[in-house]
Amino acid sequence: MAVAGVSQAVAVGLMMNSWLVVAYALCGSLVWNWIIRPLEEADLAERFGAAFEEYRAQVACWIPRWPQHTDS
């Protein structure tokens, strides 16, 4: 979701030929990554415990990847 949101904002900036919008989108992504995301993840870890930790281990934040299937 984060990659799609930043990509969309950058695309809008490029379509509008506005480097200020592109810079704003990139700066916003850094603020989200360094300030907001740790707070959200701490809250989710507190509320959901081991289930969230397992989810976090399987899902990448910025770069999507194919899910790892395990034989159960």
C-alpha atoms as a PDB file:
ATOM      1  CA  MET A   1       0.000   0.000   0.000  1.00  0.00           C
ATOM      2  CA  ALA A   2       2.801   2.397   0.858  1.00  0.00           C
ATOM      3  CA  VAL A   3       4.581   1.791  -2.450  1.00  0.00           C
ATOM      4  CA  ALA A   4       1.359   2.347  -4.400  1.00  0.00           C
ATOM      5  CA  GLY A   5       0.564   5.570  -2.536  1.00  0.00           C
ATOM      6  CA  VAL A   6       4.017   7.062  -3.030  1.00  0.00           C
ATOM      7  CA  SER A   7       4.096   5.936  -6.676  1.00  0.00           C
ATOM      8  CA  GLN A   8       0.728   7.541  -7.304  1.00  0.00           C
ATOM      9  CA  ALA A   9       1.803  10.818  -5.715  1.00  0.00           C
ATOM     10  CA  VAL A  10       5.043  10.860  -7.716  1.00  0.00           C
ATOM     11  CA  ALA A  11       3.113  10.087 -10.923  1.00  0.00           C
ATOM     12  CA  VAL A  12       0.707  12.959 -10.263  1.00  0.00           C
ATOM     13  CA  GLY A  13       3.657  15.273  -9.678  1.00  0.00           C
ATOM     14  CA  LEU A  14       5.274  14.176 -12.919  1.00  0.00           C
ATOM     15  CA  MET A  15       2.009  14.540 -14.862  1.00  0.00           C
ATOM     16  CA  MET A  16       1.581  18.047 -13.455  1.00  0.00           C
ATOM     17  CA  ASN A  17       5.248  18.753 -14.218  1.00  0.00           C
ATOM     18  CA  SER A  18       5.655  19.737 -10.572  1.00  0.00           C
ATOM     19  CA  TRP A  19       8.906  18.708  -8.943  1.00  0.00           C
ATOM     20  CA  LEU A  20       7.593  20.224  -5.720  1.00  0.00           C
ATOM     21  CA  VAL A  21       4.802  17.599  -5.608  1.00  0.00           C
ATOM     22  CA  VAL A  22       7.346  14.839  -6.338  1.00  0.00           C
ATOM     23  CA  ALA A  23       9.620  16.096  -3.565  1.00  0.00           C
ATOM     24  CA  TYR A  24       6.658  16.403  -1.188  1.00  0.00           C
ATOM     25  CA  ALA A  25       5.645  12.782  -1.909  1.00  0.00           C
ATOM     26  CA  LEU A  26       9.163  11.490  -1.342  1.00  0.00           C
ATOM     27  CA  CYS A  27       9.612  13.505   1.862  1.00  0.00           C
ATOM     28  CA  GLY A  28       6.218  12.300   3.073  1.00  0.00           C
ATOM     29  CA  SER A  29       7.282   8.706   2.514  1.00  0.00           C
ATOM     30  CA  LEU A  30      10.387   9.255   4.643  1.00  0.00           C
ATOM     31  CA  VAL A  31       8.362  10.848   7.442  1.00  0.00           C
ATOM     32  CA  TRP A  32       5.907   7.962   7.345  1.00  0.00           C
ATOM     33  CA  ASN A  33       8.695   5.366   7.342  1.00  0.00           C
ATOM     34  CA  TRP A  34      10.742   6.888  10.185  1.00  0.00           C
ATOM     35  CA  ILE A  35       8.045   8.341  12.454  1.00  0.00           C
ATOM     36  CA  ILE A  36       4.566   6.960  11.783  1.00  0.00           C
ATOM     37  CA  ARG A  37       5.316   3.342  10.827  1.00  0.00           C
ATOM     38  CA  PRO A  38       7.196   2.489  14.061  1.00  0.00           C
ATOM     39  CA  LEU A  39       4.280   3.860  16.099  1.00  0.00           C
ATOM     40  CA  GLU A  40       1.726   1.894  14.081  1.00  0.00           C
ATOM     41  CA  GLU A  41       3.747  -1.311  14.303  1.00  0.00           C
ATOM     42  CA  ALA A  42       4.213  -0.949  18.060  1.00  0.00           C
ATOM     43  CA  ASP A  43       0.453  -0.523  18.463  1.00  0.00           C
ATOM     44  CA  LEU A  44      -0.283  -3.545  16.265  1.00  0.00           C
ATOM     45  CA  ALA A  45       2.281  -5.663  18.129  1.00  0.00           C
ATOM     46  CA  GLU A  46       0.678  -4.702  21.437  1.00  0.00           C
ATOM     47  CA  ARG A  47      -2.842  -5.467  20.228  1.00  0.00           C
ATOM     48  CA  PHE A  48      -2.193  -8.636  18.219  1.00  0.00           C
ATOM     49  CA  GLY A  49       1.018 -10.034  19.740  1.00  0.00           C
ATOM     50  CA  ALA A  50       2.486 -13.132  18.112  1.00  0.00           C
ATOM     51  CA  ALA A  51       0.033 -13.047  15.199  1.00  0.00           C
ATOM     52  CA  PHE A  52       1.322  -9.622  14.161  1.00  0.00           C
ATOM     53  CA  GLU A  53       4.966 -10.668  14.603  1.00  0.00           C
ATOM     54  CA  GLU A  54       4.352 -13.659  12.327  1.00  0.00           C
ATOM     55  CA  TYR A  55       2.678 -11.388   9.777  1.00  0.00           C
ATOM     56  CA  ARG A  56       5.539  -8.879   9.939  1.00  0.00           C
ATOM     57  CA  ALA A  57       8.063 -11.665   9.323  1.00  0.00           C
ATOM     58  CA  GLN A  58       6.204 -12.733   6.180  1.00  0.00           C
ATOM     59  CA  VAL A  59       5.312  -9.360   4.623  1.00  0.00           C
ATOM     60  CA  ALA A  60       7.793  -6.783   3.365  1.00  0.00           C
ATOM     61  CA  CYS A  61       7.081  -3.116   3.986  1.00  0.00           C
ATOM     62  CA  TRP A  62       8.299  -1.313   0.878  1.00  0.00           C
ATOM     63  CA  ILE A  63       9.205  -3.949  -1.682  1.00  0.00           C
ATOM     64  CA  PRO A  64       6.460  -6.497  -2.402  1.00  0.00           C
ATOM     65  CA  ARG A  65       7.528 -10.114  -2.694  1.00  0.00           C
ATOM     66  CA  TRP A  66       5.842 -13.407  -3.470  1.00  0.00           C
ATOM     67  CA  PRO A  67       4.489 -15.111  -0.352  1.00  0.00           C
ATOM     68  CA  GLN A  68       6.568 -17.908   1.094  1.00  0.00           C
ATOM     69  CA  HIS A  69       4.435 -21.041   1.346  1.00  0.00           C
ATOM     70  CA  THR A  70       5.295 -23.574   3.978  1.00  0.00           C
ATOM     71  CA  ASP A  71       4.076 -27.127   4.075  1.00  0.00           C
ATOM     72  CA  SER A  72       2.024 -27.651   7.197  1.00  0.00           C
END
